[in-house]
Amino acid sequence: MLGDLIHRYPANRVLKLGAGSLCLGIVLFCGSLYIKAITGYAPAGKLAPIGGLALIAGWVLIAIGC
């Protein structure tokens, strides 16, 4: 769905920024939890809130860009 929006509005920088923020949020949030669960490295879990904020920012930017 997001790819379709970016394809329809290729010049919309807010949509592209929102998509990038969503990707960053997914990597930070999920990645930190996977690292913590698999390796037991507890400090990795501290990145999860930053990833959550990036996810929220991505959705807000997409809502603004539409």
PDB file of N, CA and C in Angstrom:
ATOM      1  N   MET A   1       0.820  -1.177   0.000  1.00  0.00           N
ATOM      2  CA  MET A   1       0.000   0.000   0.000  1.00  0.00           C
ATOM      3  C   MET A   1       0.880   1.263   0.000  1.00  0.00           C
ATOM      4  N   LEU A   2       1.903   1.250   0.815  1.00  0.00           N
ATOM      5  CA  LEU A   2       2.806   2.399   0.866  1.00  0.00           C
ATOM      6  C   LEU A   2       3.574   2.537  -0.448  1.00  0.00           C
ATOM      7  N   GLY A   3       3.971   1.409  -1.009  1.00  0.00           N
ATOM      8  CA  GLY A   3       4.658   1.439  -2.296  1.00  0.00           C
ATOM      9  C   GLY A   3       3.788   2.027  -3.392  1.00  0.00           C
ATOM     10  N   ASP A   4       2.491   1.737  -3.347  1.00  0.00           N
ATOM     11  CA  ASP A   4       1.554   2.286  -4.321  1.00  0.00           C
ATOM     12  C   ASP A   4       1.446   3.801  -4.171  1.00  0.00           C
ATOM     13  N   LEU A   5       1.401   4.290  -2.933  1.00  0.00           N
ATOM     14  CA  LEU A   5       1.344   5.741  -2.716  1.00  0.00           C
ATOM     15  C   LEU A   5       2.596   6.428  -3.243  1.00  0.00           C
ATOM     16  N   ILE A   6       3.752   5.835  -2.977  1.00  0.00           N
ATOM     17  CA  ILE A   6       5.003   6.437  -3.451  1.00  0.00           C
ATOM     18  C   ILE A   6       5.067   6.394  -4.974  1.00  0.00           C
ATOM     19  N   HIS A   7       4.521   5.329  -5.570  1.00  0.00           N
ATOM     20  CA  HIS A   7       4.503   5.223  -7.032  1.00  0.00           C
ATOM     21  C   HIS A   7       3.568   6.274  -7.638  1.00  0.00           C
ATOM     22  N   ARG A   8       2.441   6.534  -6.991  1.00  0.00           N
ATOM     23  CA  ARG A   8       1.484   7.520  -7.513  1.00  0.00           C
ATOM     24  C   ARG A   8       1.970   8.954  -7.331  1.00  0.00           C
ATOM     25  N   TYR A   9       2.688   9.216  -6.254  1.00  0.00           N
ATOM     26  CA  TYR A   9       3.166  10.566  -5.945  1.00  0.00           C
ATOM     27  C   TYR A   9       4.687  10.543  -5.760  1.00  0.00           C
ATOM     28  N   PRO A  10       5.443  10.373  -6.855  1.00  0.00           N
ATOM     29  CA  PRO A  10       6.898  10.212  -6.715  1.00  0.00           C
ATOM     30  C   PRO A  10       7.616  11.465  -6.205  1.00  0.00           C
ATOM     31  N   ALA A  11       7.017  12.633  -6.351  1.00  0.00           N
ATOM     32  CA  ALA A  11       7.682  13.858  -5.910  1.00  0.00           C
ATOM     33  C   ALA A  11       7.375  14.204  -4.457  1.00  0.00           C
ATOM     34  N   ASN A  12       6.541  13.418  -3.803  1.00  0.00           N
ATOM     35  CA  ASN A  12       6.144  13.716  -2.428  1.00  0.00           C
ATOM     36  C   ASN A  12       7.242  13.266  -1.468  1.00  0.00           C
ATOM     37  N   ARG A  13       8.010  14.225  -0.981  1.00  0.00           N
ATOM     38  CA  ARG A  13       9.145  13.916  -0.103  1.00  0.00           C
ATOM     39  C   ARG A  13       8.691  13.459   1.274  1.00  0.00           C
ATOM     40  N   VAL A  14       7.516  13.919   1.705  1.00  0.00           N
ATOM     41  CA  VAL A  14       7.024  13.539   3.029  1.00  0.00           C
ATOM     42  C   VAL A  14       6.708  12.045   3.060  1.00  0.00           C
ATOM     43  N   LEU A  15       6.122  11.525   1.978  1.00  0.00           N
ATOM     44  CA  LEU A  15       5.841  10.086   1.909  1.00  0.00           C
ATOM     45  C   LEU A  15       7.129   9.275   1.932  1.00  0.00           C
ATOM     46  N   LYS A  16       8.128   9.732   1.203  1.00  0.00           N
ATOM     47  CA  LYS A  16       9.403   9.016   1.180  1.00  0.00           C
ATOM     48  C   LYS A  16      10.077   9.047   2.547  1.00  0.00           C
ATOM     49  N   LEU A  17       9.999  10.172   3.222  1.00  0.00           N
ATOM     50  CA  LEU A  17      10.564  10.278   4.563  1.00  0.00           C
ATOM     51  C   LEU A  17       9.804   9.378   5.536  1.00  0.00           C
ATOM     52  N   GLY A  18       8.491   9.319   5.379  1.00  0.00           N
ATOM     53  CA  GLY A  18       7.685   8.435   6.221  1.00  0.00           C
ATOM     54  C   GLY A  18       8.018   6.974   5.989  1.00  0.00           C
ATOM     55  N   ALA A  19       8.219   6.600   4.736  1.00  0.00           N
ATOM     56  CA  ALA A  19       8.575   5.216   4.425  1.00  0.00           C
ATOM     57  C   ALA A  19       9.941   4.866   5.009  1.00  0.00           C
ATOM     58  N   GLY A  20      10.878   5.780   4.900  1.00  0.00           N
ATOM     59  CA  GLY A  20      12.196   5.548   5.485  1.00  0.00           C
ATOM     60  C   GLY A  20      12.145   5.438   6.993  1.00  0.00           C
ATOM     61  N   SER A  21      11.309   6.257   7.600  1.00  0.00           N
ATOM     62  CA  SER A  21      11.153   6.207   9.050  1.00  0.00           C
ATOM     63  C   SER A  21      10.527   4.888   9.482  1.00  0.00           C
ATOM     64  N   LEU A  22       9.557   4.393   8.712  1.00  0.00           N
ATOM     65  CA  LEU A  22       8.964   3.091   9.026  1.00  0.00           C
ATOM     66  C   LEU A  22       9.997   1.974   8.927  1.00  0.00           C
ATOM     67  N   CYS A  23      10.804   1.998   7.884  1.00  0.00           N
ATOM     68  CA  CYS A  23      11.838   0.963   7.731  1.00  0.00           C
ATOM     69  C   CYS A  23      12.847   1.019   8.869  1.00  0.00           C
ATOM     70  N   LEU A  24      13.275   2.210   9.217  1.00  0.00           N
ATOM     71  CA  LEU A  24      14.214   2.364  10.327  1.00  0.00           C
ATOM     72  C   LEU A  24      13.588   1.889  11.630  1.00  0.00           C
ATOM     73  N   GLY A  25      12.331   2.226  11.839  1.00  0.00           N
ATOM     74  CA  GLY A  25      11.639   1.806  13.052  1.00  0.00           C
ATOM     75  C   GLY A  25      11.513   0.304  13.160  1.00  0.00           C
ATOM     76  N   ILE A  26      11.213  -0.348  12.048  1.00  0.00           N
ATOM     77  CA  ILE A  26      11.096  -1.808  12.055  1.00  0.00           C
ATOM     78  C   ILE A  26      12.436  -2.446  12.400  1.00  0.00           C
ATOM     79  N   VAL A  27      13.500  -1.944  11.782  1.00  0.00           N
ATOM     80  CA  VAL A  27      14.828  -2.510  12.042  1.00  0.00           C
ATOM     81  C   VAL A  27      15.239  -2.299  13.495  1.00  0.00           C
ATOM     82  N   LEU A  28      15.044  -1.085  14.001  1.00  0.00           N
ATOM     83  CA  LEU A  28      15.456  -0.803  15.378  1.00  0.00           C
ATOM     84  C   LEU A  28      14.591  -1.536  16.392  1.00  0.00           C
ATOM     85  N   PHE A  29      13.281  -1.488  16.222  1.00  0.00           N
ATOM     86  CA  PHE A  29      12.383  -2.092  17.204  1.00  0.00           C
ATOM     87  C   PHE A  29      12.506  -3.617  17.193  1.00  0.00           C
ATOM     88  N   CYS A  30      12.254  -4.207  16.044  1.00  0.00           N
ATOM     89  CA  CYS A  30      12.283  -5.670  15.969  1.00  0.00           C
ATOM     90  C   CYS A  30      13.698  -6.214  16.123  1.00  0.00           C
ATOM     91  N   GLY A  31      14.655  -5.560  15.489  1.00  0.00           N
ATOM     92  CA  GLY A  31      16.030  -6.033  15.567  1.00  0.00           C
ATOM     93  C   GLY A  31      16.573  -6.049  16.976  1.00  0.00           C
ATOM     94  N   SER A  32      16.280  -4.998  17.731  1.00  0.00           N
ATOM     95  CA  SER A  32      16.787  -4.959  19.103  1.00  0.00           C
ATOM     96  C   SER A  32      16.153  -6.046  19.961  1.00  0.00           C
ATOM     97  N   LEU A  33      14.881  -6.308  19.742  1.00  0.00           N
ATOM     98  CA  LEU A  33      14.224  -7.362  20.522  1.00  0.00           C
ATOM     99  C   LEU A  33      14.727  -8.748  20.123  1.00  0.00           C
ATOM    100  N   TYR A  34      14.976  -8.960  18.833  1.00  0.00           N
ATOM    101  CA  TYR A  34      15.544 -10.237  18.392  1.00  0.00           C
ATOM    102  C   TYR A  34      16.932 -10.447  18.990  1.00  0.00           C
ATOM    103  N   ILE A  35      17.761  -9.411  18.944  1.00  0.00           N
ATOM    104  CA  ILE A  35      19.113  -9.530  19.500  1.00  0.00           C
ATOM    105  C   ILE A  35      19.056  -9.836  20.987  1.00  0.00           C
ATOM    106  N   LYS A  36      18.172  -9.151  21.691  1.00  0.00           N
ATOM    107  CA  LYS A  36      18.045  -9.387  23.130  1.00  0.00           C
ATOM    108  C   LYS A  36      17.556 -10.802  23.414  1.00  0.00           C
ATOM    109  N   ALA A  37      16.594 -11.287  22.631  1.00  0.00           N
ATOM    110  CA  ALA A  37      16.037 -12.620  22.867  1.00  0.00           C
ATOM    111  C   ALA A  37      17.014 -13.731  22.498  1.00  0.00           C
ATOM    112  N   ILE A  38      17.736 -13.562  21.403  1.00  0.00           N
ATOM    113  CA  ILE A  38      18.609 -14.630  20.916  1.00  0.00           C
ATOM    114  C   ILE A  38      19.936 -14.667  21.671  1.00  0.00           C
ATOM    115  N   THR A  39      20.533 -13.494  21.872  1.00  0.00           N
ATOM    116  CA  THR A  39      21.862 -13.475  22.492  1.00  0.00           C
ATOM    117  C   THR A  39      21.833 -13.195  23.989  1.00  0.00           C
ATOM    118  N   GLY A  40      20.745 -12.633  24.475  1.00  0.00           N
ATOM    119  CA  GLY A  40      20.675 -12.275  25.880  1.00  0.00           C
ATOM    120  C   GLY A  40      21.375 -10.965  26.200  1.00  0.00           C
ATOM    121  N   TYR A  41      21.771 -10.226  25.182  1.00  0.00           N
ATOM    122  CA  TYR A  41      22.458  -8.946  25.367  1.00  0.00           C
ATOM    123  C   TYR A  41      21.417  -7.890  25.736  1.00  0.00           C
ATOM    124  N   ALA A  42      21.280  -7.630  27.028  1.00  0.00           N
ATOM    125  CA  ALA A  42      20.218  -6.766  27.549  1.00  0.00           C
ATOM    126  C   ALA A  42      20.263  -5.319  27.043  1.00  0.00           C
ATOM    127  N   PRO A  43      21.438  -4.698  26.880  1.00  0.00           N
ATOM    128  CA  PRO A  43      21.431  -3.302  26.417  1.00  0.00           C
ATOM    129  C   PRO A  43      20.807  -3.107  25.030  1.00  0.00           C
ATOM    130  N   ALA A  44      20.716  -4.163  24.241  1.00  0.00           N
ATOM    131  CA  ALA A  44      20.096  -4.029  22.921  1.00  0.00           C
ATOM    132  C   ALA A  44      18.627  -3.659  23.036  1.00  0.00           C
ATOM    133  N   GLY A  45      17.988  -4.045  24.133  1.00  0.00           N
ATOM    134  CA  GLY A  45      16.580  -3.728  24.324  1.00  0.00           C
ATOM    135  C   GLY A  45      16.307  -2.246  24.489  1.00  0.00           C
ATOM    136  N   LYS A  46      17.352  -1.476  24.768  1.00  0.00           N
ATOM    137  CA  LYS A  46      17.175  -0.035  24.932  1.00  0.00           C
ATOM    138  C   LYS A  46      16.901   0.677  23.609  1.00  0.00           C
ATOM    139  N   LEU A  47      17.137   0.007  22.500  1.00  0.00           N
ATOM    140  CA  LEU A  47      16.852   0.603  21.194  1.00  0.00           C
ATOM    141  C   LEU A  47      15.387   0.462  20.796  1.00  0.00           C
ATOM    142  N   ALA A  48      14.654  -0.406  21.464  1.00  0.00           N
ATOM    143  CA  ALA A  48      13.255  -0.642  21.107  1.00  0.00           C
ATOM    144  C   ALA A  48      12.400   0.623  21.198  1.00  0.00           C
ATOM    145  N   PRO A  49      12.510   1.431  22.251  1.00  0.00           N
ATOM    146  CA  PRO A  49      11.693   2.652  22.281  1.00  0.00           C
ATOM    147  C   PRO A  49      12.025   3.642  21.161  1.00  0.00           C
ATOM    148  N   ILE A  50      13.293   3.689  20.771  1.00  0.00           N
ATOM    149  CA  ILE A  50      13.674   4.569  19.665  1.00  0.00           C
ATOM    150  C   ILE A  50      13.036   4.069  18.373  1.00  0.00           C
ATOM    151  N   GLY A  51      13.038   2.757  18.189  1.00  0.00           N
ATOM    152  CA  GLY A  51      12.374   2.186  17.026  1.00  0.00           C
ATOM    153  C   GLY A  51      10.880   2.442  17.041  1.00  0.00           C
ATOM    154  N   GLY A  52      10.277   2.370  18.224  1.00  0.00           N
ATOM    155  CA  GLY A  52       8.851   2.661  18.339  1.00  0.00           C
ATOM    156  C   GLY A  52       8.533   4.102  17.978  1.00  0.00           C
ATOM    157  N   LEU A  53       9.388   5.017  18.414  1.00  0.00           N
ATOM    158  CA  LEU A  53       9.196   6.423  18.049  1.00  0.00           C
ATOM    159  C   LEU A  53       9.350   6.631  16.543  1.00  0.00           C
ATOM    160  N   ALA A  54      10.289   5.920  15.934  1.00  0.00           N
ATOM    161  CA  ALA A  54      10.466   6.024  14.486  1.00  0.00           C
ATOM    162  C   ALA A  54       9.240   5.481  13.754  1.00  0.00           C
ATOM    163  N   LEU A  55       8.649   4.408  14.268  1.00  0.00           N
ATOM    164  CA  LEU A  55       7.426   3.875  13.666  1.00  0.00           C
ATOM    165  C   LEU A  55       6.282   4.884  13.770  1.00  0.00           C
ATOM    166  N   ILE A  56       6.124   5.476  14.936  1.00  0.00           N
ATOM    167  CA  ILE A  56       5.067   6.477  15.116  1.00  0.00           C
ATOM    168  C   ILE A  56       5.293   7.666  14.186  1.00  0.00           C
ATOM    169  N   ALA A  57       6.535   8.138  14.123  1.00  0.00           N
ATOM    170  CA  ALA A  57       6.856   9.270  13.246  1.00  0.00           C
ATOM    171  C   ALA A  57       6.575   8.927  11.787  1.00  0.00           C
ATOM    172  N   GLY A  58       6.879   7.695  11.391  1.00  0.00           N
ATOM    173  CA  GLY A  58       6.611   7.273  10.021  1.00  0.00           C
ATOM    174  C   GLY A  58       5.134   7.314   9.682  1.00  0.00           C
ATOM    175  N   TRP A  59       4.301   6.806  10.584  1.00  0.00           N
ATOM    176  CA  TRP A  59       2.851   6.826  10.338  1.00  0.00           C
ATOM    177  C   TRP A  59       2.317   8.248  10.305  1.00  0.00           C
ATOM    178  N   VAL A  60       2.827   9.113  11.171  1.00  0.00           N
ATOM    179  CA  VAL A  60       2.385  10.513  11.171  1.00  0.00           C
ATOM    180  C   VAL A  60       2.788  11.192   9.867  1.00  0.00           C
ATOM    181  N   LEU A  61       4.012  10.959   9.415  1.00  0.00           N
ATOM    182  CA  LEU A  61       4.463  11.558   8.155  1.00  0.00           C
ATOM    183  C   LEU A  61       3.651  11.049   6.970  1.00  0.00           C
ATOM    184  N   ILE A  62       3.307   9.786   6.980  1.00  0.00           N
ATOM    185  CA  ILE A  62       2.491   9.243   5.891  1.00  0.00           C
ATOM    186  C   ILE A  62       1.101   9.868   5.912  1.00  0.00           C
ATOM    187  N   ALA A  63       0.537  10.051   7.097  1.00  0.00           N
ATOM    188  CA  ALA A  63      -0.778  10.689   7.198  1.00  0.00           C
ATOM    189  C   ALA A  63      -0.725  12.132   6.699  1.00  0.00           C
ATOM    190  N   ILE A  64       0.362  12.832   7.002  1.00  0.00           N
ATOM    191  CA  ILE A  64       0.511  14.211   6.535  1.00  0.00           C
ATOM    192  C   ILE A  64       0.694  14.240   5.018  1.00  0.00           C
ATOM    193  N   GLY A  65       1.459  13.294   4.491  1.00  0.00           N
ATOM    194  CA  GLY A  65       1.761  13.271   3.062  1.00  0.00           C
ATOM    195  C   GLY A  65       0.612  12.862   2.173  1.00  0.00           C
ATOM    196  N   CYS A  66      -0.381  12.217   2.738  1.00  0.00           N
ATOM    197  CA  CYS A  66      -1.528  11.785   1.918  1.00  0.00           C
ATOM    198  C   CYS A  66      -2.445  12.911   1.745  1.00  0.00           C
TER     199      CYS A  66
END
